[in-house]
PDB file of N, CA and C in Angstrom:
ATOM      1  N   MET A   1       0.849  -1.177   0.000  1.00  0.00           N
ATOM      2  CA  MET A   1       0.000   0.000   0.000  1.00  0.00           C
ATOM      3  C   MET A   1       0.879   1.218   0.000  1.00  0.00           C
ATOM      4  N   SER A   2       0.359   2.282  -0.590  1.00  0.00           N
ATOM      5  CA  SER A   2       1.231   3.426  -0.758  1.00  0.00           C
ATOM      6  C   SER A   2       0.506   4.745  -0.516  1.00  0.00           C
ATOM      7  N   LEU A   3       0.425   5.142   0.752  1.00  0.00           N
ATOM      8  CA  LEU A   3       0.040   6.513   1.087  1.00  0.00           C
ATOM      9  C   LEU A   3       1.359   7.274   1.134  1.00  0.00           C
ATOM     10  N   VAL A   4       1.530   8.221   0.240  1.00  0.00           N
ATOM     11  CA  VAL A   4       2.795   8.921   0.084  1.00  0.00           C
ATOM     12  C   VAL A   4       2.679  10.327   0.683  1.00  0.00           C
ATOM     13  N   PRO A   5       3.381  10.597   1.794  1.00  0.00           N
ATOM     14  CA  PRO A   5       3.340  11.950   2.350  1.00  0.00           C
ATOM     15  C   PRO A   5       3.886  12.961   1.345  1.00  0.00           C
ATOM     16  N   VAL A   6       3.184  14.062   1.183  1.00  0.00           N
ATOM     17  CA  VAL A   6       3.598  15.112   0.258  1.00  0.00           C
ATOM     18  C   VAL A   6       3.632  16.445   0.998  1.00  0.00           C
ATOM     19  N   THR A   7       4.448  17.361   0.474  1.00  0.00           N
ATOM     20  CA  THR A   7       4.554  18.678   1.101  1.00  0.00           C
ATOM     21  C   THR A   7       4.340  19.818   0.112  1.00  0.00           C
ATOM     22  N   SER A   8       4.079  19.464  -1.173  1.00  0.00           N
ATOM     23  CA  SER A   8       3.891  20.511  -2.175  1.00  0.00           C
ATOM     24  C   SER A   8       3.053  19.972  -3.334  1.00  0.00           C
ATOM     25  N   LEU A   9       2.523  20.895  -4.137  1.00  0.00           N
ATOM     26  CA  LEU A   9       1.810  20.491  -5.344  1.00  0.00           C
ATOM     27  C   LEU A   9       2.744  19.757  -6.300  1.00  0.00           C
ATOM     28  N   GLU A  10       4.004  20.160  -6.324  1.00  0.00           N
ATOM     29  CA  GLU A  10       4.973  19.490  -7.184  1.00  0.00           C
ATOM     30  C   GLU A  10       5.117  18.028  -6.782  1.00  0.00           C
ATOM     31  N   ASP A  11       5.173  17.749  -5.479  1.00  0.00           N
ATOM     32  CA  ASP A  11       5.235  16.365  -5.005  1.00  0.00           C
ATOM     33  C   ASP A  11       4.025  15.575  -5.503  1.00  0.00           C
ATOM     34  N   ILE A  12       2.864  16.184  -5.428  1.00  0.00           N
ATOM     35  CA  ILE A  12       1.633  15.517  -5.841  1.00  0.00           C
ATOM     36  C   ILE A  12       1.681  15.185  -7.324  1.00  0.00           C
ATOM     37  N   HIS A  13       2.117  16.126  -8.134  1.00  0.00           N
ATOM     38  CA  HIS A  13       2.136  15.913  -9.582  1.00  0.00           C
ATOM     39  C   HIS A  13       3.195  14.903 -10.035  1.00  0.00           C
ATOM     40  N   ARG A  14       4.099  14.527  -9.146  1.00  0.00           N
ATOM     41  CA  ARG A  14       5.112  13.514  -9.475  1.00  0.00           C
ATOM     42  C   ARG A  14       4.613  12.089  -9.244  1.00  0.00           C
ATOM     43  N   LEU A  15       3.482  11.954  -8.581  1.00  0.00           N
ATOM     44  CA  LEU A  15       2.974  10.621  -8.251  1.00  0.00           C
ATOM     45  C   LEU A  15       2.415   9.916  -9.480  1.00  0.00           C
ATOM     46  N   GLY A  16       2.358   8.607  -9.369  1.00  0.00           N
ATOM     47  CA  GLY A  16       1.771   7.805 -10.430  1.00  0.00           C
ATOM     48  C   GLY A  16       0.285   8.090 -10.569  1.00  0.00           C
ATOM     49  N   ARG A  17      -0.248   7.756 -11.711  1.00  0.00           N
ATOM     50  CA  ARG A  17      -1.654   8.011 -12.013  1.00  0.00           C
ATOM     51  C   ARG A  17      -2.511   6.787 -11.706  1.00  0.00           C
ATOM     52  N   TYR A  18      -3.721   7.061 -11.290  1.00  0.00           N
ATOM     53  CA  TYR A  18      -4.729   6.029 -11.110  1.00  0.00           C
ATOM     54  C   TYR A  18      -5.876   6.357 -12.055  1.00  0.00           C
ATOM     55  N   ARG A  19      -6.070   5.510 -13.051  1.00  0.00           N
ATOM     56  CA  ARG A  19      -7.115   5.719 -14.056  1.00  0.00           C
ATOM     57  C   ARG A  19      -7.038   7.121 -14.675  1.00  0.00           C
ATOM     58  N   GLY A  20      -5.834   7.577 -14.896  1.00  0.00           N
ATOM     59  CA  GLY A  20      -5.628   8.852 -15.562  1.00  0.00           C
ATOM     60  C   GLY A  20      -5.662  10.066 -14.659  1.00  0.00           C
ATOM     61  N   GLY A  21      -5.719   9.864 -13.369  1.00  0.00           N
ATOM     62  CA  GLY A  21      -5.744  11.000 -12.447  1.00  0.00           C
ATOM     63  C   GLY A  21      -4.847  10.749 -11.245  1.00  0.00           C
ATOM     64  N   ILE A  22      -4.718  11.762 -10.417  1.00  0.00           N
ATOM     65  CA  ILE A  22      -3.897  11.680  -9.209  1.00  0.00           C
ATOM     66  C   ILE A  22      -4.832  11.640  -8.008  1.00  0.00           C
ATOM     67  N   LEU A  23      -4.637  10.655  -7.140  1.00  0.00           N
ATOM     68  CA  LEU A  23      -5.432  10.540  -5.922  1.00  0.00           C
ATOM     69  C   LEU A  23      -4.739  11.248  -4.767  1.00  0.00           C
ATOM     70  N   VAL A  24      -5.525  12.009  -4.008  1.00  0.00           N
ATOM     71  CA  VAL A  24      -5.018  12.720  -2.837  1.00  0.00           C
ATOM     72  C   VAL A  24      -5.964  12.449  -1.674  1.00  0.00           C
ATOM     73  N   PHE A  25      -5.400  12.057  -0.537  1.00  0.00           N
ATOM     74  CA  PHE A  25      -6.189  11.865   0.675  1.00  0.00           C
ATOM     75  C   PHE A  25      -5.767  12.916   1.690  1.00  0.00           C
ATOM     76  N   LYS A  26      -6.725  13.742   2.103  1.00  0.00           N
ATOM     77  CA  LYS A  26      -6.477  14.769   3.124  1.00  0.00           C
ATOM     78  C   LYS A  26      -7.013  14.250   4.457  1.00  0.00           C
ATOM     79  N   HIS A  27      -6.142  14.227   5.464  1.00  0.00           N
ATOM     80  CA  HIS A  27      -6.436  13.585   6.745  1.00  0.00           C
ATOM     81  C   HIS A  27      -6.150  14.527   7.904  1.00  0.00           C
ATOM     82  N   SER A  28      -7.069  14.546   8.857  1.00  0.00           N
ATOM     83  CA  SER A  28      -6.846  15.273  10.101  1.00  0.00           C
ATOM     84  C   SER A  28      -6.539  14.274  11.200  1.00  0.00           C
ATOM     85  N   THR A  29      -5.392  14.425  11.803  1.00  0.00           N
ATOM     86  CA  THR A  29      -4.983  13.519  12.880  1.00  0.00           C
ATOM     87  C   THR A  29      -5.775  13.768  14.161  1.00  0.00           C
ATOM     88  N   ARG A  30      -6.629  14.776  14.161  1.00  0.00           N
ATOM     89  CA  ARG A  30      -7.430  15.112  15.345  1.00  0.00           C
ATOM     90  C   ARG A  30      -8.893  14.673  15.227  1.00  0.00           C
ATOM     91  N   CYS A  31      -9.220  13.937  14.171  1.00  0.00           N
ATOM     92  CA  CYS A  31     -10.625  13.645  13.887  1.00  0.00           C
ATOM     93  C   CYS A  31     -10.854  12.139  13.763  1.00  0.00           C
ATOM     94  N   SER A  32     -11.777  11.611  14.543  1.00  0.00           N
ATOM     95  CA  SER A  32     -12.048  10.172  14.489  1.00  0.00           C
ATOM     96  C   SER A  32     -12.694   9.761  13.164  1.00  0.00           C
ATOM     97  N   ILE A  33     -13.489  10.628  12.556  1.00  0.00           N
ATOM     98  CA  ILE A  33     -14.068  10.308  11.246  1.00  0.00           C
ATOM     99  C   ILE A  33     -12.956  10.201  10.210  1.00  0.00           C
ATOM    100  N   SER A  34     -11.977  11.087  10.302  1.00  0.00           N
ATOM    101  CA  SER A  34     -10.842  11.055   9.390  1.00  0.00           C
ATOM    102  C   SER A  34     -10.030   9.769   9.584  1.00  0.00           C
ATOM    103  N   THR A  35      -9.881   9.345  10.823  1.00  0.00           N
ATOM    104  CA  THR A  35      -9.165   8.101  11.098  1.00  0.00           C
ATOM    105  C   THR A  35      -9.898   6.914  10.486  1.00  0.00           C
ATOM    106  N   ALA A  36     -11.222   6.909  10.566  1.00  0.00           N
ATOM    107  CA  ALA A  36     -12.014   5.835   9.956  1.00  0.00           C
ATOM    108  C   ALA A  36     -11.866   5.854   8.436  1.00  0.00           C
ATOM    109  N   ALA A  37     -11.887   7.040   7.839  1.00  0.00           N
ATOM    110  CA  ALA A  37     -11.709   7.153   6.387  1.00  0.00           C
ATOM    111  C   ALA A  37     -10.315   6.681   5.987  1.00  0.00           C
ATOM    112  N   GLN A  38      -9.312   7.042   6.776  1.00  0.00           N
ATOM    113  CA  GLN A  38      -7.951   6.602   6.480  1.00  0.00           C
ATOM    114  C   GLN A  38      -7.875   5.074   6.514  1.00  0.00           C
ATOM    115  N   HIS A  39      -8.540   4.464   7.449  1.00  0.00           N
ATOM    116  CA  HIS A  39      -8.565   2.995   7.517  1.00  0.00           C
ATOM    117  C   HIS A  39      -9.188   2.403   6.249  1.00  0.00           C
ATOM    118  N   ARG A  40     -10.271   3.002   5.768  1.00  0.00           N
ATOM    119  CA  ARG A  40     -10.910   2.514   4.538  1.00  0.00           C
ATOM    120  C   ARG A  40      -9.972   2.660   3.335  1.00  0.00           C
ATOM    121  N   VAL A  41      -9.254   3.775   3.271  1.00  0.00           N
ATOM    122  CA  VAL A  41      -8.303   3.984   2.169  1.00  0.00           C
ATOM    123  C   VAL A  41      -7.171   2.969   2.261  1.00  0.00           C
ATOM    124  N   ARG A  42      -6.626   2.772   3.446  1.00  0.00           N
ATOM    125  CA  ARG A  42      -5.539   1.793   3.615  1.00  0.00           C
ATOM    126  C   ARG A  42      -6.003   0.382   3.267  1.00  0.00           C
ATOM    127  N   THR A  43      -7.220   0.043   3.643  1.00  0.00           N
ATOM    128  CA  THR A  43      -7.765  -1.270   3.317  1.00  0.00           C
ATOM    129  C   THR A  43      -7.867  -1.436   1.803  1.00  0.00           C
ATOM    130  N   TRP A  44      -8.366  -0.407   1.127  1.00  0.00           N
ATOM    131  CA  TRP A  44      -8.458  -0.460  -0.339  1.00  0.00           C
ATOM    132  C   TRP A  44      -7.059  -0.614  -0.946  1.00  0.00           C
ATOM    133  N   LEU A  45      -6.092   0.110  -0.407  1.00  0.00           N
ATOM    134  CA  LEU A  45      -4.731   0.063  -0.935  1.00  0.00           C
ATOM    135  C   LEU A  45      -4.074  -1.308  -0.770  1.00  0.00           C
ATOM    136  N   THR A  46      -4.467  -2.086   0.228  1.00  0.00           N
ATOM    137  CA  THR A  46      -3.872  -3.418   0.373  1.00  0.00           C
ATOM    138  C   THR A  46      -4.201  -4.283  -0.840  1.00  0.00           C
ATOM    139  N   ALA A  47      -5.344  -4.041  -1.468  1.00  0.00           N
ATOM    140  CA  ALA A  47      -5.720  -4.777  -2.681  1.00  0.00           C
ATOM    141  C   ALA A  47      -5.184  -4.119  -3.946  1.00  0.00           C
ATOM    142  N   HIS A  48      -4.605  -2.925  -3.816  1.00  0.00           N
ATOM    143  CA  HIS A  48      -4.086  -2.163  -4.960  1.00  0.00           C
ATOM    144  C   HIS A  48      -2.703  -1.590  -4.612  1.00  0.00           C
ATOM    145  N   PRO A  49      -1.731  -2.468  -4.335  1.00  0.00           N
ATOM    146  CA  PRO A  49      -0.427  -1.987  -3.864  1.00  0.00           C
ATOM    147  C   PRO A  49       0.339  -1.159  -4.882  1.00  0.00           C
ATOM    148  N   GLU A  50      -0.064  -1.224  -6.137  1.00  0.00           N
ATOM    149  CA  GLU A  50       0.627  -0.459  -7.182  1.00  0.00           C
ATOM    150  C   GLU A  50       0.193   1.009  -7.216  1.00  0.00           C
ATOM    151  N   VAL A  51      -0.871   1.351  -6.518  1.00  0.00           N
ATOM    152  CA  VAL A  51      -1.429   2.701  -6.565  1.00  0.00           C
ATOM    153  C   VAL A  51      -0.756   3.589  -5.518  1.00  0.00           C
ATOM    154  N   GLU A  52      -0.385   4.791  -5.945  1.00  0.00           N
ATOM    155  CA  GLU A  52       0.137   5.803  -5.023  1.00  0.00           C
ATOM    156  C   GLU A  52      -0.968   6.812  -4.739  1.00  0.00           C
ATOM    157  N   VAL A  53      -1.164   7.090  -3.453  1.00  0.00           N
ATOM    158  CA  VAL A  53      -2.134   8.099  -3.025  1.00  0.00           C
ATOM    159  C   VAL A  53      -1.369   9.146  -2.233  1.00  0.00           C
ATOM    160  N   ALA A  54      -1.463  10.391  -2.672  1.00  0.00           N
ATOM    161  CA  ALA A  54      -0.823  11.482  -1.930  1.00  0.00           C
ATOM    162  C   ALA A  54      -1.514  11.618  -0.576  1.00  0.00           C
ATOM    163  N   TYR A  55      -0.725  11.755   0.463  1.00  0.00           N
ATOM    164  CA  TYR A  55      -1.236  11.892   1.829  1.00  0.00           C
ATOM    165  C   TYR A  55      -0.915  13.297   2.331  1.00  0.00           C
ATOM    166  N   VAL A  56      -1.966  14.041   2.671  1.00  0.00           N
ATOM    167  CA  VAL A  56      -1.792  15.393   3.199  1.00  0.00           C
ATOM    168  C   VAL A  56      -2.339  15.417   4.616  1.00  0.00           C
ATOM    169  N   ASP A  57      -1.463  15.629   5.587  1.00  0.00           N
ATOM    170  CA  ASP A  57      -1.864  15.829   6.982  1.00  0.00           C
ATOM    171  C   ASP A  57      -2.300  17.284   7.093  1.00  0.00           C
ATOM    172  N   VAL A  58      -3.614  17.519   7.207  1.00  0.00           N
ATOM    173  CA  VAL A  58      -4.120  18.892   7.149  1.00  0.00           C
ATOM    174  C   VAL A  58      -3.721  19.729   8.360  1.00  0.00           C
ATOM    175  N   ILE A  59      -3.301  19.094   9.439  1.00  0.00           N
ATOM    176  CA  ILE A  59      -2.818  19.841  10.598  1.00  0.00           C
ATOM    177  C   ILE A  59      -1.382  20.318  10.330  1.00  0.00           C
ATOM    178  N   ALA A  60      -0.513  19.403   9.963  1.00  0.00           N
ATOM    179  CA  ALA A  60       0.897  19.733   9.729  1.00  0.00           C
ATOM    180  C   ALA A  60       1.120  20.456   8.405  1.00  0.00           C
ATOM    181  N   GLN A  61       0.247  20.203   7.432  1.00  0.00           N
ATOM    182  CA  GLN A  61       0.423  20.765   6.092  1.00  0.00           C
ATOM    183  C   GLN A  61      -0.745  21.686   5.714  1.00  0.00           C
ATOM    184  N   ARG A  62      -1.183  22.520   6.642  1.00  0.00           N
ATOM    185  CA  ARG A  62      -2.321  23.408   6.388  1.00  0.00           C
ATOM    186  C   ARG A  62      -2.115  24.294   5.159  1.00  0.00           C
ATOM    187  N   PRO A  63      -0.933  24.892   4.947  1.00  0.00           N
ATOM    188  CA  PRO A  63      -0.752  25.707   3.736  1.00  0.00           C
ATOM    189  C   PRO A  63      -0.980  24.895   2.450  1.00  0.00           C
ATOM    190  N   LEU A  64      -0.506  23.650   2.408  1.00  0.00           N
ATOM    191  CA  LEU A  64      -0.711  22.812   1.229  1.00  0.00           C
ATOM    192  C   LEU A  64      -2.188  22.478   1.072  1.00  0.00           C
ATOM    193  N   SER A  65      -2.856  22.173   2.153  1.00  0.00           N
ATOM    194  CA  SER A  65      -4.288  21.873   2.094  1.00  0.00           C
ATOM    195  C   SER A  65      -5.063  23.069   1.537  1.00  0.00           C
ATOM    196  N   ASN A  66      -4.735  24.259   2.002  1.00  0.00           N
ATOM    197  CA  ASN A  66      -5.384  25.471   1.488  1.00  0.00           C
ATOM    198  C   ASN A  66      -5.029  25.713   0.022  1.00  0.00           C
ATOM    199  N   GLU A  67      -3.782  25.455  -0.343  1.00  0.00           N
ATOM    200  CA  GLU A  67      -3.353  25.629  -1.733  1.00  0.00           C
ATOM    201  C   GLU A  67      -4.126  24.680  -2.657  1.00  0.00           C
ATOM    202  N   LEU A  68      -4.325  23.438  -2.223  1.00  0.00           N
ATOM    203  CA  LEU A  68      -5.101  22.485  -3.013  1.00  0.00           C
ATOM    204  C   LEU A  68      -6.526  22.984  -3.215  1.00  0.00           C
ATOM    205  N   ALA A  69      -7.140  23.465  -2.146  1.00  0.00           N
ATOM    206  CA  ALA A  69      -8.512  23.969  -2.233  1.00  0.00           C
ATOM    207  C   ALA A  69      -8.604  25.097  -3.258  1.00  0.00           C
ATOM    208  N   GLU A  70      -7.642  26.003  -3.231  1.00  0.00           N
ATOM    209  CA  GLU A  70      -7.662  27.132  -4.146  1.00  0.00           C
ATOM    210  C   GLU A  70      -7.300  26.719  -5.582  1.00  0.00           C
ATOM    211  N   ALA A  71      -6.203  25.985  -5.729  1.00  0.00           N
ATOM    212  CA  ALA A  71      -5.729  25.624  -7.068  1.00  0.00           C
ATOM    213  C   ALA A  71      -6.703  24.698  -7.790  1.00  0.00           C
ATOM    214  N   TRP A  72      -7.357  23.820  -7.046  1.00  0.00           N
ATOM    215  CA  TRP A  72      -8.246  22.841  -7.661  1.00  0.00           C
ATOM    216  C   TRP A  72      -9.723  23.220  -7.512  1.00  0.00           C
ATOM    217  N   SER A  73      -9.993  24.407  -6.959  1.00  0.00           N
ATOM    218  CA  SER A  73     -11.364  24.934  -6.808  1.00  0.00           C
ATOM    219  C   SER A  73     -12.290  23.953  -6.102  1.00  0.00           C
ATOM    220  N   VAL A  74     -11.804  23.434  -4.985  1.00  0.00           N
ATOM    221  CA  VAL A  74     -12.577  22.491  -4.178  1.00  0.00           C
ATOM    222  C   VAL A  74     -12.593  22.998  -2.745  1.00  0.00           C
ATOM    223  N   GLU A  75     -13.768  23.085  -2.163  1.00  0.00           N
ATOM    224  CA  GLU A  75     -13.880  23.524  -0.776  1.00  0.00           C
ATOM    225  C   GLU A  75     -13.130  22.554   0.139  1.00  0.00           C
ATOM    226  N   HIS A  76     -12.335  23.093   1.060  1.00  0.00           N
ATOM    227  CA  HIS A  76     -11.578  22.259   1.997  1.00  0.00           C
ATOM    228  C   HIS A  76     -12.526  21.484   2.898  1.00  0.00           C
ATOM    229  N   GLN A  77     -12.274  20.206   3.012  1.00  0.00           N
ATOM    230  CA  GLN A  77     -12.938  19.360   3.988  1.00  0.00           C
ATOM    231  C   GLN A  77     -11.907  18.373   4.493  1.00  0.00           C
ATOM    232  N   SER A  78     -12.194  17.795   5.630  1.00  0.00           N
ATOM    233  CA  SER A  78     -11.306  16.785   6.180  1.00  0.00           C
ATOM    234  C   SER A  78     -12.139  15.819   7.002  1.00  0.00           C
ATOM    235  N   PRO A  79     -12.033  14.545   6.679  1.00  0.00           N
ATOM    236  CA  PRO A  79     -11.215  13.949   5.636  1.00  0.00           C
ATOM    237  C   PRO A  79     -11.796  14.250   4.255  1.00  0.00           C
ATOM    238  N   GLN A  80     -10.928  14.159   3.278  1.00  0.00           N
ATOM    239  CA  GLN A  80     -11.349  14.417   1.904  1.00  0.00           C
ATOM    240  C   GLN A  80     -10.455  13.623   0.959  1.00  0.00           C
ATOM    241  N   MET A  81     -11.083  13.059  -0.067  1.00  0.00           N
ATOM    242  CA  MET A  81     -10.351  12.349  -1.116  1.00  0.00           C
ATOM    243  C   MET A  81     -10.592  13.121  -2.401  1.00  0.00           C
ATOM    244  N   LEU A  82      -9.505  13.412  -3.115  1.00  0.00           N
ATOM    245  CA  LEU A  82      -9.585  14.149  -4.368  1.00  0.00           C
ATOM    246  C   LEU A  82      -8.990  13.297  -5.481  1.00  0.00           C
ATOM    247  N   TRP A  83      -9.575  13.431  -6.659  1.00  0.00           N
ATOM    248  CA  TRP A  83      -9.027  12.776  -7.849  1.00  0.00           C
ATOM    249  C   TRP A  83      -8.862  13.858  -8.898  1.00  0.00           C
ATOM    250  N   PHE A  84      -7.620  14.284  -9.107  1.00  0.00           N
ATOM    251  CA  PHE A  84      -7.284  15.335 -10.060  1.00  0.00           C
ATOM    252  C   PHE A  84      -7.063  14.689 -11.411  1.00  0.00           C
ATOM    253  N   ARG A  85      -7.978  14.964 -12.347  1.00  0.00           N
ATOM    254  CA  ARG A  85      -7.944  14.322 -13.656  1.00  0.00           C
ATOM    255  C   ARG A  85      -7.054  15.082 -14.628  1.00  0.00           C
ATOM    256  N   GLU A  86      -6.599  14.375 -15.652  1.00  0.00           N
ATOM    257  CA  GLU A  86      -5.691  14.962 -16.641  1.00  0.00           C
ATOM    258  C   GLU A  86      -6.288  16.178 -17.336  1.00  0.00           C
ATOM    259  N   ASP A  87      -7.627  16.238 -17.432  1.00  0.00           N
ATOM    260  CA  ASP A  87      -8.261  17.387 -18.077  1.00  0.00           C
ATOM    261  C   ASP A  87      -8.386  18.591 -17.137  1.00  0.00           C
ATOM    262  N   GLY A  88      -7.864  18.465 -15.921  1.00  0.00           N
ATOM    263  CA  GLY A  88      -7.884  19.566 -14.960  1.00  0.00           C
ATOM    264  C   GLY A  88      -9.098  19.570 -14.047  1.00  0.00           C
ATOM    265  N   SER A  89     -10.062  18.714 -14.295  1.00  0.00           N
ATOM    266  CA  SER A  89     -11.227  18.647 -13.414  1.00  0.00           C
ATOM    267  C   SER A  89     -10.889  17.807 -12.180  1.00  0.00           C
ATOM    268  N   VAL A  90     -11.676  18.009 -11.131  1.00  0.00           N
ATOM    269  CA  VAL A  90     -11.433  17.308  -9.879  1.00  0.00           C
ATOM    270  C   VAL A  90     -12.744  16.703  -9.378  1.00  0.00           C
ATOM    271  N   LEU A  91     -12.686  15.428  -9.060  1.00  0.00           N
ATOM    272  CA  LEU A  91     -13.792  14.781  -8.363  1.00  0.00           C
ATOM    273  C   LEU A  91     -13.364  14.653  -6.910  1.00  0.00           C
ATOM    274  N   HIS A  92     -14.313  14.767  -6.002  1.00  0.00           N
ATOM    275  CA  HIS A  92     -13.939  14.684  -4.596  1.00  0.00           C
ATOM    276  C   HIS A  92     -15.079  14.092  -3.780  1.00  0.00           C
ATOM    277  N   GLU A  93     -14.685  13.540  -2.654  1.00  0.00           N
ATOM    278  CA  GLU A  93     -15.626  12.970  -1.705  1.00  0.00           C
ATOM    279  C   GLU A  93     -15.071  13.257  -0.321  1.00  0.00           C
ATOM    280  N   SER A  94     -15.946  13.265   0.674  1.00  0.00           N
ATOM    281  CA  SER A  94     -15.475  13.535   2.025  1.00  0.00           C
ATOM    282  C   SER A  94     -16.191  12.654   3.042  1.00  0.00           C
ATOM    283  N   HIS A  95     -15.645  12.653   4.213  1.00  0.00           N
ATOM    284  CA  HIS A  95     -16.192  11.971   5.372  1.00  0.00           C
ATOM    285  C   HIS A  95     -16.560  10.516   5.066  1.00  0.00           C
ATOM    286  N   PHE A  96     -17.792  10.115   5.340  1.00  0.00           N
ATOM    287  CA  PHE A  96     -18.184   8.716   5.192  1.00  0.00           C
ATOM    288  C   PHE A  96     -18.348   8.290   3.738  1.00  0.00           C
ATOM    289  N   GLY A  97     -18.307   9.236   2.814  1.00  0.00           N
ATOM    290  CA  GLY A  97     -18.374   8.904   1.391  1.00  0.00           C
ATOM    291  C   GLY A  97     -17.075   8.358   0.835  1.00  0.00           C
ATOM    292  N   ILE A  98     -16.000   8.464   1.609  1.00  0.00           N
ATOM    293  CA  ILE A  98     -14.706   7.938   1.179  1.00  0.00           C
ATOM    294  C   ILE A  98     -14.688   6.445   1.465  1.00  0.00           C
ATOM    295  N   ASP A  99     -14.795   5.656   0.405  1.00  0.00           N
ATOM    296  CA  ASP A  99     -14.754   4.202   0.567  1.00  0.00           C
ATOM    297  C   ASP A  99     -14.318   3.557  -0.741  1.00  0.00           C
ATOM    298  N   ALA A 100     -14.147   2.247  -0.699  1.00  0.00           N
ATOM    299  CA  ALA A 100     -13.672   1.506  -1.870  1.00  0.00           C
ATOM    300  C   ALA A 100     -14.612   1.686  -3.048  1.00  0.00           C
ATOM    301  N   ARG A 101     -15.899   1.710  -2.809  1.00  0.00           N
ATOM    302  CA  ARG A 101     -16.874   1.857  -3.898  1.00  0.00           C
ATOM    303  C   ARG A 101     -16.661   3.175  -4.622  1.00  0.00           C
ATOM    304  N   TRP A 102     -16.439   4.267  -3.886  1.00  0.00           N
ATOM    305  CA  TRP A 102     -16.219   5.575  -4.532  1.00  0.00           C
ATOM    306  C   TRP A 102     -14.922   5.553  -5.341  1.00  0.00           C
ATOM    307  N   ILE A 103     -13.848   5.022  -4.746  1.00  0.00           N
ATOM    308  CA  ILE A 103     -12.570   4.995  -5.458  1.00  0.00           C
ATOM    309  C   ILE A 103     -12.703   4.153  -6.734  1.00  0.00           C
ATOM    310  N   GLU A 104     -13.343   3.013  -6.632  1.00  0.00           N
ATOM    311  CA  GLU A 104     -13.512   2.126  -7.796  1.00  0.00           C
ATOM    312  C   GLU A 104     -14.391   2.756  -8.866  1.00  0.00           C
ATOM    313  N   SER A 105     -15.251   3.691  -8.495  1.00  0.00           N
ATOM    314  CA  SER A 105     -16.150   4.314  -9.473  1.00  0.00           C
ATOM    315  C   SER A 105     -15.455   5.351 -10.341  1.00  0.00           C
ATOM    316  N   LEU A 106     -14.242   5.741  -9.993  1.00  0.00           N
ATOM    317  CA  LEU A 106     -13.537   6.789 -10.737  1.00  0.00           C
ATOM    318  C   LEU A 106     -13.187   6.302 -12.137  1.00  0.00           C
ATOM    319  N   ASN A 107     -13.545   7.082 -13.128  1.00  0.00           N
ATOM    320  CA  ASN A 107     -13.165   6.749 -14.507  1.00  0.00           C
ATOM    321  C   ASN A 107     -13.301   7.976 -15.399  1.00  0.00           C
TER     322      ASN A 107
END
């Protein structure tokens, strides 16, 4: 499994693609809902070890989290999963909507 800690947009854009887009997981270490979402993402990743998911700790990396919200025109939420597509559009889900079914639906 590959949750890859990132500290910049450049780090994110260097990651491998999943179905033509970049996956980003934004996590708050202070939130039990975020911890549950992180568990669901990690569980999904055990079945998809080839996939890299950018990991943003929204507490430690608040400037990056805000930069993502602005650059990708997505309201900040935590936990939040983003899929930045090659055409520049972004699909996103948050809280209990982050699960294997949502990730598998990306295309």
